[in-house]
Every structure is written in C-alpha cells, then in structure tokens.
Protein backbone atom coordinates (compact mmCIF):
# COMPACT_ATOMS: atom_id res chain seq x y z
CA UNK A 1 -69.66 129.44 7.67
CA UNK A 2 -68.19 132.06 10.01
CA UNK A 3 -64.64 132.91 11.60
CA UNK A 4 -66.22 132.13 15.49
CA UNK A 5 -67.83 129.09 14.00
CA UNK A 6 -64.94 127.59 11.96
CA UNK A 7 -62.55 128.29 15.00
CA UNK A 8 -64.99 126.08 17.10
CA UNK A 9 -64.62 123.51 14.39
CA UNK A 10 -60.74 123.65 13.73
CA UNK A 11 -60.55 123.57 17.52
CA UNK A 12 -62.86 120.24 17.81
CA UNK A 13 -60.58 118.91 14.70
CA UNK A 14 -57.43 119.72 16.41
CA UNK A 15 -58.44 117.52 19.52
CA UNK A 16 -59.98 114.45 17.34
CA UNK A 17 -56.21 114.63 14.52
CA UNK A 18 -53.76 115.17 17.70
CA UNK A 19 -55.54 112.45 19.81
CA UNK A 20 -55.94 115.30 22.98
CA UNK A 21 -58.35 113.20 25.31
CA UNK A 22 -57.61 115.37 28.31
CA UNK A 23 -57.88 118.69 25.63
CA UNK A 24 -61.15 120.76 25.16
CA UNK A 25 -61.75 123.38 23.20
CA UNK A 26 -61.96 125.98 25.86
CA UNK A 27 -58.25 125.14 26.53
CA UNK A 28 -56.82 125.50 22.87
CA UNK A 29 -55.95 129.54 22.43
CA UNK A 30 -57.46 131.48 19.97
CA UNK A 31 -54.67 134.51 19.39
CA UNK A 32 -51.61 132.76 21.11
CA UNK A 33 -48.89 131.27 18.92
CA UNK A 34 -50.37 127.12 18.16
CA UNK A 35 -46.64 125.74 18.48
CA UNK A 36 -45.82 127.37 21.54
CA UNK A 37 -48.85 127.09 23.46
CA UNK A 38 -49.42 124.12 25.74
CA UNK A 39 -50.74 121.59 23.16
CA UNK A 40 -47.20 120.08 22.79
CA UNK A 41 -47.62 120.73 18.75
CA UNK A 42 -44.71 119.20 17.16
CA UNK A 43 -44.35 119.42 13.26
CA UNK A 44 -45.45 115.70 12.86
CA UNK A 45 -48.80 117.02 14.33
CA UNK A 46 -48.80 120.10 12.23
CA UNK A 47 -48.60 117.86 9.04
CA UNK A 48 -51.69 116.08 10.24
CA UNK A 49 -52.74 119.28 10.47
CA UNK A 50 -52.50 120.68 7.26
CA UNK A 51 -53.35 116.81 5.33
CA UNK A 52 -56.68 117.65 7.35
CA UNK A 53 -57.12 121.05 5.97
CA UNK A 54 -56.51 119.75 2.40
CA UNK A 55 -59.17 117.30 2.79
CA UNK A 56 -62.15 119.04 4.57
CA UNK A 57 -61.08 122.76 2.97
CA UNK A 58 -58.80 121.95 -0.16
CA UNK A 59 -56.39 124.34 1.29
CA UNK A 60 -52.60 123.87 0.50
CA UNK A 61 -50.27 125.96 2.89
CA UNK A 62 -47.43 125.62 -0.15
CA UNK A 63 -44.06 126.60 2.12
CA UNK A 64 -42.34 126.32 5.54
CA UNK A 65 -42.73 130.96 5.83
CA UNK A 66 -46.49 130.54 4.88
CA UNK A 67 -47.05 128.04 7.41
CA UNK A 68 -45.17 130.06 10.16
CA UNK A 69 -48.24 132.62 9.10
CA UNK A 70 -50.88 130.48 9.05
CA UNK A 71 -49.76 128.67 12.11
CA UNK A 72 -48.95 131.89 13.82
CA UNK A 73 -52.85 131.34 15.99
CA UNK A 74 -55.90 129.28 15.69
CA UNK A 75 -57.54 133.20 14.45
CA UNK A 76 -54.48 133.27 11.71
CA UNK A 77 -55.42 129.29 10.85
CA UNK A 78 -59.16 129.70 10.76
CA UNK A 79 -58.68 133.26 8.43
CA UNK A 80 -56.77 131.48 5.91
CA UNK A 81 -58.98 128.50 5.83
CA UNK A 82 -61.76 130.84 5.01
CA UNK A 83 -59.60 132.99 2.74
CA UNK A 84 -58.66 130.08 0.07
CA UNK A 85 -61.22 127.00 1.18
CA UNK A 86 -62.48 125.22 -1.81
CA UNK A 87 -65.17 127.13 -3.34
CA UNK A 88 -63.86 130.53 -2.33
C-alpha cells in the first residue's frame, strides 16, 4: 500500500471508529493538525485510533511526545504507519 492509499484507508477507519456519520473522507484534512481540526478529536478518540493502529498494523506509539509527532497530521500518521507497520 502506498502513502495515498493508506491516507484514504485511514480516513475511512477514523470515520468508522469515531462514529462520525456526517463526515466524509474529503472532510478530513491531510496536512493539518488532527487534534485541532473540525473533527473534534479528543484524547479518548486518539486512544481509539491508537488501538486500531496496533490491531490493524501492529504499530505502537510509545509515549505522549511520540504521539504528538505522529498525530501532527494525517500525513504524518500515515508515514509513521508505513515505516513501522508489522513486516516492514
């Protein structure tokens, strides 16, 4: 899976996990801060996304500082997954 495919997949998974029925993948910004976007993602939502990343991709976010870097944008999240996923 390449970066753009993974970004689109992550958008869909985020919508499903966070139960955002009024949000489409096009509504999720690729290069802006996920935490300050119009999605109203809070710390509980981030935990749900982290659990999904571990289950789906075998990716672990080790601490809060790393989490801030990884969740800086959807693009940084996808790059982290590509670099650290199981089997890479």
